[in-house]
Amino acid sequence: MAKKSTIWGWVTARELANERVVRRLPVVGFAALLAILYMTNSFSVQVKYRKINELRNELKMLKTTQVTTEAQRTALTRQQEIERRLAARGIALSDKGDPPITIW
């Protein structure tokens, strides 16, 4: 008995040429296309998800930096701190204690 010509060891060439198989090839091709699109979409979503997480972490760090900088600026702009820094440079600042005059 002659050895049958097989593809992948289980499908013969005659079975692939069968009319039923040939009629289903467009459906199989479409399903393969959908599978490829699904995998591409999944990969794209994973990349975007990683980027979103990186941006969230960066935003947390920037918020922390903003709070720290704001606290430092507030401390440096207090009247006592300004007076101390001016006195260290030898600049006299007089405070008469009178409130400013309001002009209506």
N, C-alpha and C. Protein backbone atom coordinates (compact mmCIF):
# COMPACT_ATOMS: atom_id res chain seq x y z
N MET A 1 0.85 -1.18 0.00
CA MET A 1 0.00 0.00 0.00
C MET A 1 0.89 1.23 0.00
N ALA A 2 0.54 2.20 -0.83
CA ALA A 2 1.35 3.41 -0.96
C ALA A 2 1.07 4.35 0.21
N LYS A 3 2.11 5.06 0.57
CA LYS A 3 1.99 6.01 1.68
C LYS A 3 1.20 7.23 1.22
N LYS A 4 0.22 7.65 1.99
CA LYS A 4 -0.60 8.81 1.63
C LYS A 4 0.19 10.09 1.85
N SER A 5 -0.04 11.06 0.98
CA SER A 5 0.58 12.36 1.13
C SER A 5 -0.23 13.15 2.15
N THR A 6 0.37 13.48 3.27
CA THR A 6 -0.37 14.19 4.32
C THR A 6 0.31 15.50 4.65
N ILE A 7 -0.51 16.41 5.14
CA ILE A 7 -0.01 17.70 5.62
C ILE A 7 -0.24 17.70 7.12
N TRP A 8 0.78 17.97 7.87
CA TRP A 8 0.76 17.97 9.33
C TRP A 8 0.45 16.59 9.90
N GLY A 9 0.54 15.58 9.11
CA GLY A 9 0.37 14.22 9.59
C GLY A 9 -1.06 13.77 9.77
N TRP A 10 -2.03 14.60 9.61
CA TRP A 10 -3.41 14.17 9.83
C TRP A 10 -4.38 14.65 8.76
N VAL A 11 -3.99 15.56 7.90
CA VAL A 11 -4.88 16.05 6.85
C VAL A 11 -4.27 15.68 5.50
N THR A 12 -5.02 15.02 4.68
CA THR A 12 -4.52 14.67 3.36
C THR A 12 -4.84 15.77 2.37
N ALA A 13 -4.12 15.80 1.26
CA ALA A 13 -4.34 16.82 0.24
C ALA A 13 -5.73 16.67 -0.36
N ARG A 14 -6.22 15.47 -0.48
CA ARG A 14 -7.56 15.23 -1.04
C ARG A 14 -8.63 15.83 -0.14
N GLU A 15 -8.43 15.71 1.17
CA GLU A 15 -9.41 16.28 2.11
C GLU A 15 -9.43 17.81 2.03
N LEU A 16 -8.24 18.42 1.81
CA LEU A 16 -8.20 19.87 1.67
C LEU A 16 -8.88 20.35 0.40
N ALA A 17 -8.85 19.54 -0.65
CA ALA A 17 -9.47 19.91 -1.93
C ALA A 17 -10.96 19.63 -1.93
N ASN A 18 -11.47 19.04 -0.88
CA ASN A 18 -12.89 18.71 -0.79
C ASN A 18 -13.72 20.00 -0.88
N GLU A 19 -14.86 19.90 -1.53
CA GLU A 19 -15.71 21.06 -1.76
C GLU A 19 -16.18 21.71 -0.46
N ARG A 20 -16.49 20.91 0.54
CA ARG A 20 -16.95 21.46 1.82
C ARG A 20 -15.86 22.29 2.48
N VAL A 21 -14.63 21.82 2.39
CA VAL A 21 -13.52 22.56 3.00
C VAL A 21 -13.29 23.86 2.26
N VAL A 22 -13.32 23.80 0.94
CA VAL A 22 -13.07 25.00 0.13
C VAL A 22 -14.16 26.05 0.37
N ARG A 23 -15.39 25.62 0.55
CA ARG A 23 -16.47 26.57 0.82
C ARG A 23 -16.29 27.27 2.16
N ARG A 24 -15.67 26.62 3.10
CA ARG A 24 -15.50 27.21 4.43
C ARG A 24 -14.23 28.05 4.57
N LEU A 25 -13.38 28.07 3.58
CA LEU A 25 -12.13 28.84 3.66
C LEU A 25 -12.36 30.33 3.91
N PRO A 26 -13.33 30.99 3.28
CA PRO A 26 -13.55 32.42 3.60
C PRO A 26 -13.91 32.63 5.07
N VAL A 27 -14.70 31.74 5.62
CA VAL A 27 -15.08 31.88 7.03
C VAL A 27 -13.86 31.68 7.93
N VAL A 28 -13.04 30.69 7.59
CA VAL A 28 -11.83 30.44 8.37
C VAL A 28 -10.87 31.63 8.25
N GLY A 29 -10.75 32.17 7.04
CA GLY A 29 -9.90 33.35 6.84
C GLY A 29 -10.40 34.54 7.62
N PHE A 30 -11.71 34.74 7.62
CA PHE A 30 -12.29 35.85 8.38
C PHE A 30 -12.06 35.67 9.88
N ALA A 31 -12.22 34.44 10.36
CA ALA A 31 -11.97 34.17 11.79
C ALA A 31 -10.51 34.41 12.13
N ALA A 32 -9.61 34.04 11.22
CA ALA A 32 -8.17 34.28 11.46
C ALA A 32 -7.89 35.78 11.49
N LEU A 33 -8.52 36.54 10.60
CA LEU A 33 -8.36 37.99 10.59
C LEU A 33 -8.86 38.61 11.89
N LEU A 34 -10.02 38.16 12.35
CA LEU A 34 -10.55 38.67 13.62
C LEU A 34 -9.63 38.34 14.78
N ALA A 35 -9.04 37.15 14.77
CA ALA A 35 -8.12 36.76 15.84
C ALA A 35 -6.89 37.66 15.84
N ILE A 36 -6.37 37.96 14.65
CA ILE A 36 -5.20 38.85 14.55
C ILE A 36 -5.57 40.26 15.04
N LEU A 37 -6.73 40.75 14.64
CA LEU A 37 -7.17 42.08 15.10
C LEU A 37 -7.36 42.10 16.62
N TYR A 38 -7.89 41.03 17.17
CA TYR A 38 -8.08 40.94 18.62
C TYR A 38 -6.74 40.99 19.35
N MET A 39 -5.76 40.26 18.85
CA MET A 39 -4.44 40.25 19.49
C MET A 39 -3.77 41.62 19.38
N THR A 40 -3.90 42.25 18.21
CA THR A 40 -3.33 43.59 18.02
C THR A 40 -3.98 44.59 18.97
N ASN A 41 -5.29 44.52 19.10
CA ASN A 41 -6.01 45.42 19.99
C ASN A 41 -5.60 45.19 21.44
N SER A 42 -5.46 43.93 21.84
CA SER A 42 -5.05 43.62 23.21
C SER A 42 -3.67 44.21 23.51
N PHE A 43 -2.75 44.07 22.55
CA PHE A 43 -1.41 44.62 22.74
C PHE A 43 -1.47 46.13 22.86
N SER A 44 -2.26 46.77 22.01
CA SER A 44 -2.39 48.23 22.05
C SER A 44 -2.96 48.70 23.38
N VAL A 45 -3.95 47.99 23.89
CA VAL A 45 -4.56 48.35 25.17
C VAL A 45 -3.54 48.20 26.30
N GLN A 46 -2.73 47.16 26.26
CA GLN A 46 -1.72 46.97 27.31
C GLN A 46 -0.71 48.10 27.30
N VAL A 47 -0.29 48.53 26.11
CA VAL A 47 0.66 49.64 26.01
C VAL A 47 0.05 50.91 26.58
N LYS A 48 -1.20 51.18 26.24
CA LYS A 48 -1.86 52.39 26.75
C LYS A 48 -2.07 52.31 28.25
N TYR A 49 -2.40 51.14 28.76
CA TYR A 49 -2.59 50.95 30.20
C TYR A 49 -1.29 51.23 30.95
N ARG A 50 -0.16 50.73 30.42
CA ARG A 50 1.14 51.00 31.06
C ARG A 50 1.44 52.49 31.05
N LYS A 51 1.16 53.16 29.94
CA LYS A 51 1.42 54.60 29.83
C LYS A 51 0.56 55.38 30.82
N ILE A 52 -0.70 54.98 30.97
CA ILE A 52 -1.59 55.64 31.93
C ILE A 52 -1.05 55.47 33.35
N ASN A 53 -0.58 54.28 33.70
CA ASN A 53 -0.02 54.06 35.03
C ASN A 53 1.23 54.89 35.25
N GLU A 54 2.09 54.99 34.23
CA GLU A 54 3.28 55.83 34.35
C GLU A 54 2.89 57.29 34.59
N LEU A 55 1.89 57.76 33.85
CA LEU A 55 1.45 59.15 34.02
C LEU A 55 0.82 59.39 35.39
N ARG A 56 0.08 58.38 35.90
CA ARG A 56 -0.49 58.52 37.24
C ARG A 56 0.61 58.64 38.28
N ASN A 57 1.64 57.80 38.17
CA ASN A 57 2.75 57.87 39.12
C ASN A 57 3.47 59.21 39.02
N GLU A 58 3.67 59.68 37.80
CA GLU A 58 4.33 60.97 37.63
C GLU A 58 3.48 62.09 38.21
N LEU A 59 2.16 62.00 38.04
CA LEU A 59 1.26 63.01 38.60
C LEU A 59 1.33 63.02 40.12
N LYS A 60 1.40 61.84 40.74
CA LYS A 60 1.53 61.78 42.20
C LYS A 60 2.81 62.46 42.65
N MET A 61 3.91 62.19 41.94
CA MET A 61 5.19 62.82 42.30
C MET A 61 5.12 64.34 42.12
N LEU A 62 4.49 64.80 41.05
CA LEU A 62 4.38 66.23 40.82
C LEU A 62 3.49 66.91 41.86
N LYS A 63 2.43 66.24 42.28
CA LYS A 63 1.58 66.81 43.34
C LYS A 63 2.36 66.93 44.65
N THR A 64 3.15 65.91 44.95
CA THR A 64 3.98 65.96 46.16
C THR A 64 4.98 67.11 46.08
N THR A 65 5.60 67.27 44.94
CA THR A 65 6.55 68.36 44.74
C THR A 65 5.85 69.71 44.85
N GLN A 66 4.65 69.81 44.31
CA GLN A 66 3.90 71.06 44.37
C GLN A 66 3.57 71.43 45.81
N VAL A 67 3.14 70.46 46.60
CA VAL A 67 2.80 70.74 47.99
C VAL A 67 4.05 71.18 48.76
N THR A 68 5.17 70.50 48.53
CA THR A 68 6.41 70.84 49.21
C THR A 68 6.87 72.24 48.82
N THR A 69 6.83 72.54 47.53
CA THR A 69 7.26 73.87 47.06
C THR A 69 6.34 74.96 47.60
N GLU A 70 5.06 74.70 47.64
CA GLU A 70 4.10 75.67 48.18
C GLU A 70 4.37 75.95 49.66
N ALA A 71 4.68 74.92 50.41
CA ALA A 71 4.99 75.09 51.84
C ALA A 71 6.27 75.91 52.01
N GLN A 72 7.27 75.63 51.18
CA GLN A 72 8.52 76.41 51.26
C GLN A 72 8.28 77.87 50.89
N ARG A 73 7.51 78.11 49.84
CA ARG A 73 7.22 79.48 49.44
C ARG A 73 6.45 80.22 50.53
N THR A 74 5.50 79.56 51.15
CA THR A 74 4.73 80.18 52.23
C THR A 74 5.63 80.53 53.40
N ALA A 75 6.54 79.63 53.72
CA ALA A 75 7.46 79.89 54.83
C ALA A 75 8.39 81.05 54.52
N LEU A 76 8.85 81.14 53.28
CA LEU A 76 9.78 82.21 52.91
C LEU A 76 9.12 83.57 52.76
N THR A 77 7.83 83.63 52.55
CA THR A 77 7.16 84.91 52.35
C THR A 77 6.46 85.42 53.60
N ARG A 78 6.64 84.75 54.73
CA ARG A 78 6.09 85.30 55.97
C ARG A 78 6.84 86.57 56.35
N GLN A 79 6.14 87.47 56.97
CA GLN A 79 6.74 88.77 57.30
C GLN A 79 7.96 88.61 58.19
N GLN A 80 7.90 87.75 59.17
CA GLN A 80 9.05 87.55 60.06
C GLN A 80 10.26 87.04 59.29
N GLU A 81 10.04 86.14 58.35
CA GLU A 81 11.15 85.59 57.57
C GLU A 81 11.76 86.66 56.67
N ILE A 82 10.90 87.49 56.08
CA ILE A 82 11.41 88.57 55.22
C ILE A 82 12.22 89.56 56.05
N GLU A 83 11.71 89.91 57.22
CA GLU A 83 12.45 90.83 58.10
C GLU A 83 13.79 90.25 58.52
N ARG A 84 13.82 88.96 58.84
CA ARG A 84 15.07 88.31 59.25
C ARG A 84 16.08 88.30 58.11
N ARG A 85 15.62 88.01 56.90
CA ARG A 85 16.54 87.96 55.76
C ARG A 85 17.06 89.35 55.40
N LEU A 86 16.18 90.36 55.50
CA LEU A 86 16.63 91.73 55.23
C LEU A 86 17.63 92.19 56.29
N ALA A 87 17.40 91.84 57.56
CA ALA A 87 18.32 92.22 58.63
C ALA A 87 19.67 91.54 58.42
N ALA A 88 19.68 90.32 57.93
CA ALA A 88 20.93 89.62 57.68
C ALA A 88 21.73 90.30 56.56
N ARG A 89 21.07 90.97 55.65
CA ARG A 89 21.75 91.68 54.56
C ARG A 89 22.05 93.14 54.94
N GLY A 90 21.59 93.55 56.09
CA GLY A 90 21.86 94.90 56.54
C GLY A 90 20.88 95.93 56.03
N ILE A 91 19.74 95.52 55.60
CA ILE A 91 18.72 96.44 55.10
C ILE A 91 17.70 96.64 56.22
N ALA A 92 17.50 97.91 56.58
CA ALA A 92 16.57 98.21 57.66
C ALA A 92 15.15 98.30 57.11
N LEU A 93 14.24 97.73 57.84
CA LEU A 93 12.84 97.77 57.47
C LEU A 93 12.09 98.31 58.67
N SER A 94 11.41 99.41 58.47
CA SER A 94 10.70 100.00 59.60
C SER A 94 9.23 99.64 59.53
N ASP A 95 8.70 99.31 60.68
CA ASP A 95 7.28 98.99 60.80
C ASP A 95 6.70 99.95 61.83
N LYS A 96 5.91 100.92 61.38
CA LYS A 96 5.35 101.93 62.28
C LYS A 96 4.20 101.39 63.09
N GLY A 97 3.60 100.32 62.61
CA GLY A 97 2.48 99.74 63.35
C GLY A 97 1.15 100.36 62.99
N ASP A 98 1.17 101.48 62.23
CA ASP A 98 -0.09 102.11 61.82
C ASP A 98 -0.61 101.38 60.58
N PRO A 99 -1.91 101.12 60.56
CA PRO A 99 -2.46 100.50 59.37
C PRO A 99 -2.44 101.49 58.19
N PRO A 100 -2.42 101.01 56.99
CA PRO A 100 -2.45 101.92 55.85
C PRO A 100 -3.77 102.66 55.74
N ILE A 101 -3.74 103.84 55.17
CA ILE A 101 -4.93 104.66 55.01
C ILE A 101 -5.71 104.19 53.79
N THR A 102 -7.01 104.03 53.98
CA THR A 102 -7.86 103.60 52.88
C THR A 102 -8.45 104.82 52.19
N ILE A 103 -8.32 104.87 50.88
CA ILE A 103 -8.87 105.98 50.11
C ILE A 103 -10.14 105.48 49.44
N TRP A 104 -11.21 106.24 49.65
CA TRP A 104 -12.49 105.84 49.05
C TRP A 104 -12.66 106.47 47.76
